[in-house]
């Protein structure tokens, strides 16, 4: 059973209020309600009963609270011991491009220092990462956003991540000194899935300027997008980190294009109530230092 639910149960029991517990934990009240409902379903009992002045524990709830306090104390003790050793598990959520092209060397840095540290890297969509950070399933999330999208979470801007328009080196657009939006409408676009934020940003800009565009291929994997660009006549907008190696080797060309509305920041996001172990604190510092090296 997820210990987060037991932590929530303890707060509700102590404050005798779903609302006050949600405020203390930094959750939405609906999230607290759902977690308590899941506990009641798991145990097959009612944990709280309502009365005129608020909530009170049922007899089953009182018994569970005694056990919960002991379990959470043991859990805290285990975290403190592991923090001293630098062990335990570090759960990181990241979108595909960050997980594949940005994080590997940083993960190796932290692993070389904490050999007992288990790292669980979970590639996910932006919305799923934020949801898992809110629910405590992830220690931190790393995403690309133009601005923080959830004010209940703690955000740290690491650096601006340039978006580049790429094509084959012999693409007709490579002859231009500067590519304007209206010069792109005759070419095939190779785009990420519809939920991808930089695709949504690009399409918003194109529609606002009433520039027709043709999506020839829609691919969810950035590696596959690059391969298709190299093999055909299409163009694609990608974070620079995704295509740096191919650009350096001359296999892909960055077209002379830029737009003020097409920009993203690499953001680190975590729950404001997150307990930070020594290894997590050091990994965050590694991520922050990486911005100064680029």
C-alpha atoms as a PDB file:
ATOM      1  CA  UNK A   1       0.000   0.000   0.000  1.00  0.00           C
ATOM      2  CA  UNK A   2       1.235   3.500  -0.834  1.00  0.00           C
ATOM      3  CA  UNK A   3       2.523   5.186   2.334  1.00  0.00           C
ATOM      4  CA  UNK A   4       1.383   8.530   0.921  1.00  0.00           C
ATOM      5  CA  UNK A   5      -2.204   7.435   1.624  1.00  0.00           C
ATOM      6  CA  UNK A   6      -1.320   6.682   5.242  1.00  0.00           C
ATOM      7  CA  UNK A   7       0.378  10.075   5.597  1.00  0.00           C
ATOM      8  CA  UNK A   8      -2.790  11.704   4.274  1.00  0.00           C
ATOM      9  CA  UNK A   9      -4.940   9.613   6.631  1.00  0.00           C
ATOM     10  CA  UNK A  10      -2.840  10.746   9.602  1.00  0.00           C
ATOM     11  CA  UNK A  11      -3.217  14.425   8.666  1.00  0.00           C
ATOM     12  CA  UNK A  12      -7.005  14.118   8.271  1.00  0.00           C
ATOM     13  CA  UNK A  13      -7.246  12.315  11.599  1.00  0.00           C
ATOM     14  CA  UNK A  14      -5.128  14.905  13.413  1.00  0.00           C
ATOM     15  CA  UNK A  15      -6.945  17.909  11.912  1.00  0.00           C
ATOM     16  CA  UNK A  16     -10.407  16.316  11.769  1.00  0.00           C
ATOM     17  CA  UNK A  17     -10.899  17.977   8.395  1.00  0.00           C
ATOM     18  CA  UNK A  18     -10.282  17.034   4.773  1.00  0.00           C
ATOM     19  CA  UNK A  19      -9.904  20.722   3.905  1.00  0.00           C
ATOM     20  CA  UNK A  20      -7.290  21.532   6.550  1.00  0.00           C
ATOM     21  CA  UNK A  21      -5.371  18.335   5.783  1.00  0.00           C
ATOM     22  CA  UNK A  22      -5.311  19.234   2.078  1.00  0.00           C
ATOM     23  CA  UNK A  23      -3.980  22.709   2.894  1.00  0.00           C
ATOM     24  CA  UNK A  24      -1.226  21.299   5.107  1.00  0.00           C
ATOM     25  CA  UNK A  25      -0.175  18.673   2.553  1.00  0.00           C
ATOM     26  CA  UNK A  26      -0.445  20.978  -0.449  1.00  0.00           C
ATOM     27  CA  UNK A  27      -2.970  18.709  -2.187  1.00  0.00           C
ATOM     28  CA  UNK A  28      -6.313  19.418  -3.751  1.00  0.00           C
ATOM     29  CA  UNK A  29      -9.162  18.431  -1.421  1.00  0.00           C
ATOM     30  CA  UNK A  30     -10.425  15.994  -4.051  1.00  0.00           C
ATOM     31  CA  UNK A  31      -7.057  14.193  -3.947  1.00  0.00           C
ATOM     32  CA  UNK A  32      -7.315  13.783  -0.167  1.00  0.00           C
ATOM     33  CA  UNK A  33     -10.860  12.437  -0.512  1.00  0.00           C
ATOM     34  CA  UNK A  34      -9.796   9.910  -3.165  1.00  0.00           C
ATOM     35  CA  UNK A  35      -6.858   8.684  -1.064  1.00  0.00           C
ATOM     36  CA  UNK A  36      -9.063   8.115   1.987  1.00  0.00           C
ATOM     37  CA  UNK A  37     -11.639   6.306  -0.160  1.00  0.00           C
ATOM     38  CA  UNK A  38      -8.900   4.020  -1.475  1.00  0.00           C
ATOM     39  CA  UNK A  39      -7.774   3.234   2.075  1.00  0.00           C
ATOM     40  CA  UNK A  40     -11.333   2.431   3.121  1.00  0.00           C
ATOM     41  CA  UNK A  41     -11.748   0.177   0.102  1.00  0.00           C
ATOM     42  CA  UNK A  42      -8.437  -1.586   0.783  1.00  0.00           C
ATOM     43  CA  UNK A  43      -9.337  -2.279   4.434  1.00  0.00           C
ATOM     44  CA  UNK A  44     -13.030  -2.793   3.846  1.00  0.00           C
ATOM     45  CA  UNK A  45     -14.019  -0.448   6.701  1.00  0.00           C
ATOM     46  CA  UNK A  46     -15.217   3.114   7.226  1.00  0.00           C
ATOM     47  CA  UNK A  47     -12.450   5.240   8.765  1.00  0.00           C
ATOM     48  CA  UNK A  48     -14.312   8.493   9.452  1.00  0.00           C
ATOM     49  CA  UNK A  49     -17.820   9.524  10.343  1.00  0.00           C
ATOM     50  CA  UNK A  50     -19.263  12.994   9.985  1.00  0.00           C
ATOM     51  CA  UNK A  51     -20.946  14.872  12.816  1.00  0.00           C
ATOM     52  CA  UNK A  52     -22.154  18.430  13.339  1.00  0.00           C
ATOM     53  CA  UNK A  53     -18.720  19.933  14.026  1.00  0.00           C
ATOM     54  CA  UNK A  54     -16.680  17.986  11.500  1.00  0.00           C
ATOM     55  CA  UNK A  55     -15.076  14.535  11.334  1.00  0.00           C
ATOM     56  CA  UNK A  56     -14.155  11.938  13.889  1.00  0.00           C
ATOM     57  CA  UNK A  57     -12.511   8.543  13.631  1.00  0.00           C
ATOM     58  CA  UNK A  58     -14.547   5.369  13.755  1.00  0.00           C
ATOM     59  CA  UNK A  59     -13.293   2.603  16.037  1.00  0.00           C
ATOM     60  CA  UNK A  60     -11.595   1.039  12.987  1.00  0.00           C
ATOM     61  CA  UNK A  61     -10.047   4.398  12.161  1.00  0.00           C
ATOM     62  CA  UNK A  62      -8.654   4.745  15.699  1.00  0.00           C
ATOM     63  CA  UNK A  63      -6.973   1.356  15.438  1.00  0.00           C
ATOM     64  CA  UNK A  64      -5.526   2.163  12.030  1.00  0.00           C
ATOM     65  CA  UNK A  65      -4.187   5.507  13.306  1.00  0.00           C
ATOM     66  CA  UNK A  66      -2.182   3.767  16.050  1.00  0.00           C
ATOM     67  CA  UNK A  67      -0.624   1.431  13.483  1.00  0.00           C
ATOM     68  CA  UNK A  68      -0.131   4.248  10.965  1.00  0.00           C
ATOM     69  CA  UNK A  69       1.886   6.358  13.419  1.00  0.00           C
ATOM     70  CA  UNK A  70       4.210   3.399  14.061  1.00  0.00           C
ATOM     71  CA  UNK A  71       4.573   2.631  10.334  1.00  0.00           C
ATOM     72  CA  UNK A  72       5.351   6.235   9.404  1.00  0.00           C
ATOM     73  CA  UNK A  73       7.853   6.544  12.252  1.00  0.00           C
ATOM     74  CA  UNK A  74       9.632   3.444  10.985  1.00  0.00           C
ATOM     75  CA  UNK A  75       9.500   4.783   7.444  1.00  0.00           C
ATOM     76  CA  UNK A  76      11.057   8.080   8.570  1.00  0.00           C
ATOM     77  CA  UNK A  77      13.753   6.196  10.459  1.00  0.00           C
ATOM     78  CA  UNK A  78      14.569   4.133   7.368  1.00  0.00           C
ATOM     79  CA  UNK A  79      14.844   7.277   5.245  1.00  0.00           C
ATOM     80  CA  UNK A  80      17.182   8.912   7.740  1.00  0.00           C
ATOM     81  CA  UNK A  81      19.442   5.873   7.826  1.00  0.00           C
ATOM     82  CA  UNK A  82      19.523   5.629   4.045  1.00  0.00           C
ATOM     83  CA  UNK A  83      20.179   9.361   3.765  1.00  0.00           C
ATOM     84  CA  UNK A  84      23.309   8.926   5.857  1.00  0.00           C
ATOM     85  CA  UNK A  85      24.416   6.126   3.551  1.00  0.00           C
ATOM     86  CA  UNK A  86      23.344   7.793   0.335  1.00  0.00           C
ATOM     87  CA  UNK A  87      21.344   4.705  -0.600  1.00  0.00           C
ATOM     88  CA  UNK A  88      17.670   4.199  -1.258  1.00  0.00           C
ATOM     89  CA  UNK A  89      15.779   4.918  -4.476  1.00  0.00           C
ATOM     90  CA  UNK A  90      15.648   8.092  -6.538  1.00  0.00           C
ATOM     91  CA  UNK A  91      12.555   8.271  -8.758  1.00  0.00           C
ATOM     92  CA  UNK A  92      12.821  10.671 -11.689  1.00  0.00           C
ATOM     93  CA  UNK A  93      10.134  11.414 -14.253  1.00  0.00           C
ATOM     94  CA  UNK A  94      11.169  13.001 -17.543  1.00  0.00           C
ATOM     95  CA  UNK A  95       9.839  13.473 -21.044  1.00  0.00           C
ATOM     96  CA  UNK A  96      11.478  11.292 -23.715  1.00  0.00           C
ATOM     97  CA  UNK A  97      13.912  13.888 -25.032  1.00  0.00           C
ATOM     98  CA  UNK A  98      15.254  14.746 -21.564  1.00  0.00           C
ATOM     99  CA  UNK A  99      15.420  11.092 -20.492  1.00  0.00           C
ATOM    100  CA  UNK A 100      17.318  10.100 -23.630  1.00  0.00           C
ATOM    101  CA  UNK A 101      19.596  13.048 -24.394  1.00  0.00           C
ATOM    102  CA  UNK A 102      20.098  15.073 -21.220  1.00  0.00           C
ATOM    103  CA  UNK A 103      19.933  12.874 -18.137  1.00  0.00           C
ATOM    104  CA  UNK A 104      22.252   9.880 -18.857  1.00  0.00           C
ATOM    105  CA  UNK A 105      25.580  11.631 -18.051  1.00  0.00           C
ATOM    106  CA  UNK A 106      24.063  13.313 -14.984  1.00  0.00           C
ATOM    107  CA  UNK A 107      22.743   9.993 -13.709  1.00  0.00           C
ATOM    108  CA  UNK A 108      26.198   8.488 -14.118  1.00  0.00           C
ATOM    109  CA  UNK A 109      27.649  11.313 -12.022  1.00  0.00           C
ATOM    110  CA  UNK A 110      25.347  10.654  -9.081  1.00  0.00           C
ATOM    111  CA  UNK A 111      25.750   6.882  -9.384  1.00  0.00           C
ATOM    112  CA  UNK A 112      29.538   7.167  -9.276  1.00  0.00           C
ATOM    113  CA  UNK A 113      29.232   8.915  -5.904  1.00  0.00           C
ATOM    114  CA  UNK A 114      26.389   6.851  -4.410  1.00  0.00           C
ATOM    115  CA  UNK A 115      27.036   3.289  -5.525  1.00  0.00           C
ATOM    116  CA  UNK A 116      24.143   1.936  -3.448  1.00  0.00           C
ATOM    117  CA  UNK A 117      21.628   4.366  -4.901  1.00  0.00           C
ATOM    118  CA  UNK A 118      18.901   2.812  -7.041  1.00  0.00           C
ATOM    119  CA  UNK A 119      17.662   5.179  -9.757  1.00  0.00           C
ATOM    120  CA  UNK A 120      14.269   4.678 -11.381  1.00  0.00           C
ATOM    121  CA  UNK A 121      13.902   6.810 -14.522  1.00  0.00           C
ATOM    122  CA  UNK A 122      10.362   6.954 -15.896  1.00  0.00           C
ATOM    123  CA  UNK A 123       9.800   8.554 -19.328  1.00  0.00           C
ATOM    124  CA  UNK A 124       6.292  10.055 -19.344  1.00  0.00           C
ATOM    125  CA  UNK A 125       4.158  12.809 -20.851  1.00  0.00           C
ATOM    126  CA  UNK A 126       4.286  16.194 -19.126  1.00  0.00           C
ATOM    127  CA  UNK A 127       0.814  15.865 -17.581  1.00  0.00           C
ATOM    128  CA  UNK A 128       1.555  12.409 -16.168  1.00  0.00           C
ATOM    129  CA  UNK A 129       4.837  13.616 -14.664  1.00  0.00           C
ATOM    130  CA  UNK A 130       3.091  16.479 -12.876  1.00  0.00           C
ATOM    131  CA  UNK A 131       0.372  14.139 -11.623  1.00  0.00           C
ATOM    132  CA  UNK A 132       2.930  11.672 -10.222  1.00  0.00           C
ATOM    133  CA  UNK A 133       4.925  14.467  -8.568  1.00  0.00           C
ATOM    134  CA  UNK A 134       1.703  15.744  -6.936  1.00  0.00           C
ATOM    135  CA  UNK A 135       0.851  12.263  -5.673  1.00  0.00           C
ATOM    136  CA  UNK A 136       4.369  11.587  -4.355  1.00  0.00           C
ATOM    137  CA  UNK A 137       5.110   8.777  -6.830  1.00  0.00           C
ATOM    138  CA  UNK A 138       8.104  10.707  -8.219  1.00  0.00           C
ATOM    139  CA  UNK A 139      10.818  12.519  -6.285  1.00  0.00           C
ATOM    140  CA  UNK A 140      11.324  15.040  -9.086  1.00  0.00           C
ATOM    141  CA  UNK A 141      10.171  15.665 -12.641  1.00  0.00           C
ATOM    142  CA  UNK A 142      12.070  17.207 -15.540  1.00  0.00           C
ATOM    143  CA  UNK A 143      10.048  18.711 -18.355  1.00  0.00           C
ATOM    144  CA  UNK A 144      10.162  21.409 -21.008  1.00  0.00           C
ATOM    145  CA  UNK A 145       7.708  24.242 -20.373  1.00  0.00           C
ATOM    146  CA  UNK A 146       7.459  27.901 -21.319  1.00  0.00           C
ATOM    147  CA  UNK A 147       6.254  28.717 -17.787  1.00  0.00           C
ATOM    148  CA  UNK A 148       5.186  26.808 -14.646  1.00  0.00           C
ATOM    149  CA  UNK A 149       1.791  25.253 -15.261  1.00  0.00           C
ATOM    150  CA  UNK A 150       0.896  24.114 -11.728  1.00  0.00           C
ATOM    151  CA  UNK A 151       1.370  26.709  -8.954  1.00  0.00           C
ATOM    152  CA  UNK A 152       0.876  24.070  -6.221  1.00  0.00           C
ATOM    153  CA  UNK A 153       4.246  22.526  -7.116  1.00  0.00           C
ATOM    154  CA  UNK A 154       7.764  23.849  -6.649  1.00  0.00           C
ATOM    155  CA  UNK A 155       9.501  24.834  -9.895  1.00  0.00           C
ATOM    156  CA  UNK A 156      13.158  25.436 -10.656  1.00  0.00           C
ATOM    157  CA  UNK A 157      14.177  26.796 -14.069  1.00  0.00           C
ATOM    158  CA  UNK A 158      17.425  25.102 -15.079  1.00  0.00           C
ATOM    159  CA  UNK A 159      18.075  26.779 -18.419  1.00  0.00           C
ATOM    160  CA  UNK A 160      16.468  27.814 -21.672  1.00  0.00           C
ATOM    161  CA  UNK A 161      16.334  24.925 -24.117  1.00  0.00           C
ATOM    162  CA  UNK A 162      16.485  26.241 -27.703  1.00  0.00           C
ATOM    163  CA  UNK A 163      14.086  24.844 -30.272  1.00  0.00           C
ATOM    164  CA  UNK A 164      15.732  24.283 -33.651  1.00  0.00           C
ATOM    165  CA  UNK A 165      14.240  23.770 -37.091  1.00  0.00           C
ATOM    166  CA  UNK A 166      16.132  20.907 -38.719  1.00  0.00           C
ATOM    167  CA  UNK A 167      16.389  19.491 -42.228  1.00  0.00           C
ATOM    168  CA  UNK A 168      18.795  17.543 -44.420  1.00  0.00           C
ATOM    169  CA  UNK A 169      21.956  19.530 -45.281  1.00  0.00           C
ATOM    170  CA  UNK A 170      20.928  19.798 -48.951  1.00  0.00           C
ATOM    171  CA  UNK A 171      17.383  20.943 -48.213  1.00  0.00           C
ATOM    172  CA  UNK A 172      16.218  23.899 -50.396  1.00  0.00           C
ATOM    173  CA  UNK A 173      15.653  26.051 -47.308  1.00  0.00           C
ATOM    174  CA  UNK A 174      19.352  25.786 -46.454  1.00  0.00           C
ATOM    175  CA  UNK A 175      20.081  28.419 -49.103  1.00  0.00           C
ATOM    176  CA  UNK A 176      18.168  31.109 -47.211  1.00  0.00           C
ATOM    177  CA  UNK A 177      19.899  33.617 -44.970  1.00  0.00           C
ATOM    178  CA  UNK A 178      16.791  33.709 -42.822  1.00  0.00           C
ATOM    179  CA  UNK A 179      13.662  31.551 -43.071  1.00  0.00           C
ATOM    180  CA  UNK A 180      10.346  33.314 -42.499  1.00  0.00           C
ATOM    181  CA  UNK A 181       7.171  31.512 -41.466  1.00  0.00           C
ATOM    182  CA  UNK A 182       5.460  32.061 -44.808  1.00  0.00           C
ATOM    183  CA  UNK A 183       8.411  30.395 -46.562  1.00  0.00           C
ATOM    184  CA  UNK A 184       7.730  27.115 -44.778  1.00  0.00           C
ATOM    185  CA  UNK A 185       4.216  26.426 -46.054  1.00  0.00           C
ATOM    186  CA  UNK A 186       5.250  24.385 -49.098  1.00  0.00           C
ATOM    187  CA  UNK A 187       7.242  21.855 -47.116  1.00  0.00           C
ATOM    188  CA  UNK A 188       6.284  18.682 -45.318  1.00  0.00           C
ATOM    189  CA  UNK A 189       6.410  18.749 -41.531  1.00  0.00           C
ATOM    190  CA  UNK A 190       7.483  15.760 -39.480  1.00  0.00           C
ATOM    191  CA  UNK A 191       5.924  16.344 -36.079  1.00  0.00           C
ATOM    192  CA  UNK A 192       5.758  14.807 -32.636  1.00  0.00           C
ATOM    193  CA  UNK A 193       2.456  13.548 -31.216  1.00  0.00           C
ATOM    194  CA  UNK A 194      -0.374  16.054 -30.751  1.00  0.00           C
ATOM    195  CA  UNK A 195       0.115  16.234 -26.967  1.00  0.00           C
ATOM    196  CA  UNK A 196       3.721  17.416 -27.343  1.00  0.00           C
ATOM    197  CA  UNK A 197       3.989  20.989 -26.037  1.00  0.00           C
ATOM    198  CA  UNK A 198       6.439  22.299 -28.647  1.00  0.00           C
ATOM    199  CA  UNK A 199       4.251  20.915 -31.435  1.00  0.00           C
ATOM    200  CA  UNK A 200       1.256  22.700 -29.893  1.00  0.00           C
ATOM    201  CA  UNK A 201       3.288  25.911 -29.693  1.00  0.00           C
ATOM    202  CA  UNK A 202       4.348  25.614 -33.337  1.00  0.00           C
ATOM    203  CA  UNK A 203       0.834  24.922 -34.604  1.00  0.00           C
ATOM    204  CA  UNK A 204      -0.531  27.832 -32.559  1.00  0.00           C
ATOM    205  CA  UNK A 205       1.986  30.183 -34.215  1.00  0.00           C
ATOM    206  CA  UNK A 206       1.261  28.842 -37.698  1.00  0.00           C
ATOM    207  CA  UNK A 207      -2.510  29.147 -37.226  1.00  0.00           C
ATOM    208  CA  UNK A 208      -2.248  32.659 -35.760  1.00  0.00           C
ATOM    209  CA  UNK A 209      -0.414  33.760 -38.906  1.00  0.00           C
ATOM    210  CA  UNK A 210      -2.857  31.774 -41.094  1.00  0.00           C
ATOM    211  CA  UNK A 211       0.009  29.861 -42.640  1.00  0.00           C
ATOM    212  CA  UNK A 212      -1.091  26.528 -44.148  1.00  0.00           C
ATOM    213  CA  UNK A 213       1.023  23.544 -43.177  1.00  0.00           C
ATOM    214  CA  UNK A 214       1.102  19.879 -44.048  1.00  0.00           C
ATOM    215  CA  UNK A 215       1.950  17.184 -41.515  1.00  0.00           C
ATOM    216  CA  UNK A 216       3.468  14.370 -43.534  1.00  0.00           C
ATOM    217  CA  UNK A 217       4.398  12.194 -40.583  1.00  0.00           C
ATOM    218  CA  UNK A 218       3.416  12.163 -36.922  1.00  0.00           C
ATOM    219  CA  UNK A 219       5.864  10.245 -34.734  1.00  0.00           C
ATOM    220  CA  UNK A 220       6.021   9.932 -30.957  1.00  0.00           C
ATOM    221  CA  UNK A 221       9.741   9.184 -30.777  1.00  0.00           C
ATOM    222  CA  UNK A 222      12.321  11.987 -31.317  1.00  0.00           C
ATOM    223  CA  UNK A 223      14.933   9.520 -32.598  1.00  0.00           C
ATOM    224  CA  UNK A 224      12.520   8.366 -35.297  1.00  0.00           C
ATOM    225  CA  UNK A 225      11.751  11.989 -36.216  1.00  0.00           C
ATOM    226  CA  UNK A 226      15.438  12.656 -36.847  1.00  0.00           C
ATOM    227  CA  UNK A 227      15.815   9.541 -38.971  1.00  0.00           C
ATOM    228  CA  UNK A 228      12.832  10.498 -41.105  1.00  0.00           C
ATOM    229  CA  UNK A 229      14.168  14.025 -41.614  1.00  0.00           C
ATOM    230  CA  UNK A 230      17.522  12.611 -42.717  1.00  0.00           C
ATOM    231  CA  UNK A 231      15.822  10.196 -45.108  1.00  0.00           C
ATOM    232  CA  UNK A 232      13.303  12.557 -46.727  1.00  0.00           C
ATOM    233  CA  UNK A 233      12.469  16.148 -47.554  1.00  0.00           C
ATOM    234  CA  UNK A 234      10.573  17.017 -44.399  1.00  0.00           C
ATOM    235  CA  UNK A 235      11.450  19.567 -41.725  1.00  0.00           C
ATOM    236  CA  UNK A 236      10.985  19.246 -37.964  1.00  0.00           C
ATOM    237  CA  UNK A 237      11.070  21.419 -34.866  1.00  0.00           C
ATOM    238  CA  UNK A 238      12.912  19.762 -31.973  1.00  0.00           C
ATOM    239  CA  UNK A 239      14.703  20.718 -28.765  1.00  0.00           C
ATOM    240  CA  UNK A 240      18.341  21.344 -29.579  1.00  0.00           C
ATOM    241  CA  UNK A 241      19.520  18.655 -27.135  1.00  0.00           C
ATOM    242  CA  UNK A 242      17.781  16.018 -29.267  1.00  0.00           C
ATOM    243  CA  UNK A 243      19.694  16.789 -32.479  1.00  0.00           C
ATOM    244  CA  UNK A 244      23.050  18.086 -31.229  1.00  0.00           C
ATOM    245  CA  UNK A 245      25.068  15.015 -32.214  1.00  0.00           C
ATOM    246  CA  UNK A 246      23.668  14.853 -35.764  1.00  0.00           C
ATOM    247  CA  UNK A 247      24.154  18.602 -36.197  1.00  0.00           C
ATOM    248  CA  UNK A 248      27.765  18.334 -35.035  1.00  0.00           C
ATOM    249  CA  UNK A 249      28.421  15.471 -37.471  1.00  0.00           C
ATOM    250  CA  UNK A 250      26.820  17.362 -40.348  1.00  0.00           C
ATOM    251  CA  UNK A 251      24.006  14.841 -40.793  1.00  0.00           C
ATOM    252  CA  UNK A 252      21.346  17.453 -39.988  1.00  0.00           C
ATOM    253  CA  UNK A 253      21.261  21.175 -40.600  1.00  0.00           C
ATOM    254  CA  UNK A 254      19.772  23.879 -38.382  1.00  0.00           C
ATOM    255  CA  UNK A 255      17.735  26.143 -40.629  1.00  0.00           C
ATOM    256  CA  UNK A 256      18.036  29.913 -40.073  1.00  0.00           C
ATOM    257  CA  UNK A 257      14.704  30.274 -38.318  1.00  0.00           C
ATOM    258  CA  UNK A 258      13.637  31.705 -34.963  1.00  0.00           C
ATOM    259  CA  UNK A 259      10.406  32.975 -33.440  1.00  0.00           C
ATOM    260  CA  UNK A 260       9.873  34.694 -30.092  1.00  0.00           C
ATOM    261  CA  UNK A 261       6.822  32.542 -29.283  1.00  0.00           C
ATOM    262  CA  UNK A 262       8.734  29.297 -29.793  1.00  0.00           C
ATOM    263  CA  UNK A 263      10.838  28.943 -26.660  1.00  0.00           C
ATOM    264  CA  UNK A 264      10.974  26.483 -23.788  1.00  0.00           C
ATOM    265  CA  UNK A 265      12.774  26.189 -20.475  1.00  0.00           C
ATOM    266  CA  UNK A 266      14.120  23.039 -18.912  1.00  0.00           C
ATOM    267  CA  UNK A 267      12.203  22.886 -15.630  1.00  0.00           C
ATOM    268  CA  UNK A 268      12.742  20.770 -12.529  1.00  0.00           C
ATOM    269  CA  UNK A 269       9.536  20.250 -10.565  1.00  0.00           C
ATOM    270  CA  UNK A 270       8.898  18.694  -7.154  1.00  0.00           C
ATOM    271  CA  UNK A 271       6.317  18.663  -4.397  1.00  0.00           C
ATOM    272  CA  UNK A 272       6.863  21.545  -1.924  1.00  0.00           C
ATOM    273  CA  UNK A 273       6.519  19.087   0.989  1.00  0.00           C
ATOM    274  CA  UNK A 274       9.009  16.638  -0.512  1.00  0.00           C
ATOM    275  CA  UNK A 275      11.550  15.215   1.934  1.00  0.00           C
ATOM    276  CA  UNK A 276      14.985  15.717   0.352  1.00  0.00           C
ATOM    277  CA  UNK A 277      17.601  13.051   0.986  1.00  0.00           C
ATOM    278  CA  UNK A 278      21.300  13.779   0.712  1.00  0.00           C
ATOM    279  CA  UNK A 279      21.534  12.000  -2.649  1.00  0.00           C
ATOM    280  CA  UNK A 280      18.487  13.847  -4.039  1.00  0.00           C
ATOM    281  CA  UNK A 281      19.898  17.183  -2.892  1.00  0.00           C
ATOM    282  CA  UNK A 282      23.200  16.427  -4.595  1.00  0.00           C
ATOM    283  CA  UNK A 283      21.496  15.297  -7.800  1.00  0.00           C
ATOM    284  CA  UNK A 284      19.560  18.581  -7.944  1.00  0.00           C
ATOM    285  CA  UNK A 285      22.883  20.417  -7.591  1.00  0.00           C
ATOM    286  CA  UNK A 286      24.323  18.334 -10.448  1.00  0.00           C
ATOM    287  CA  UNK A 287      21.374  19.305 -12.635  1.00  0.00           C
ATOM    288  CA  UNK A 288      21.800  23.004 -11.745  1.00  0.00           C
ATOM    289  CA  UNK A 289      25.541  22.904 -12.473  1.00  0.00           C
ATOM    290  CA  UNK A 290      24.907  21.295 -15.860  1.00  0.00           C
ATOM    291  CA  UNK A 291      23.216  24.513 -16.973  1.00  0.00           C
ATOM    292  CA  UNK A 292      26.419  26.472 -16.334  1.00  0.00           C
ATOM    293  CA  UNK A 293      28.423  24.082 -18.493  1.00  0.00           C
ATOM    294  CA  UNK A 294      26.232  24.495 -21.556  1.00  0.00           C
END
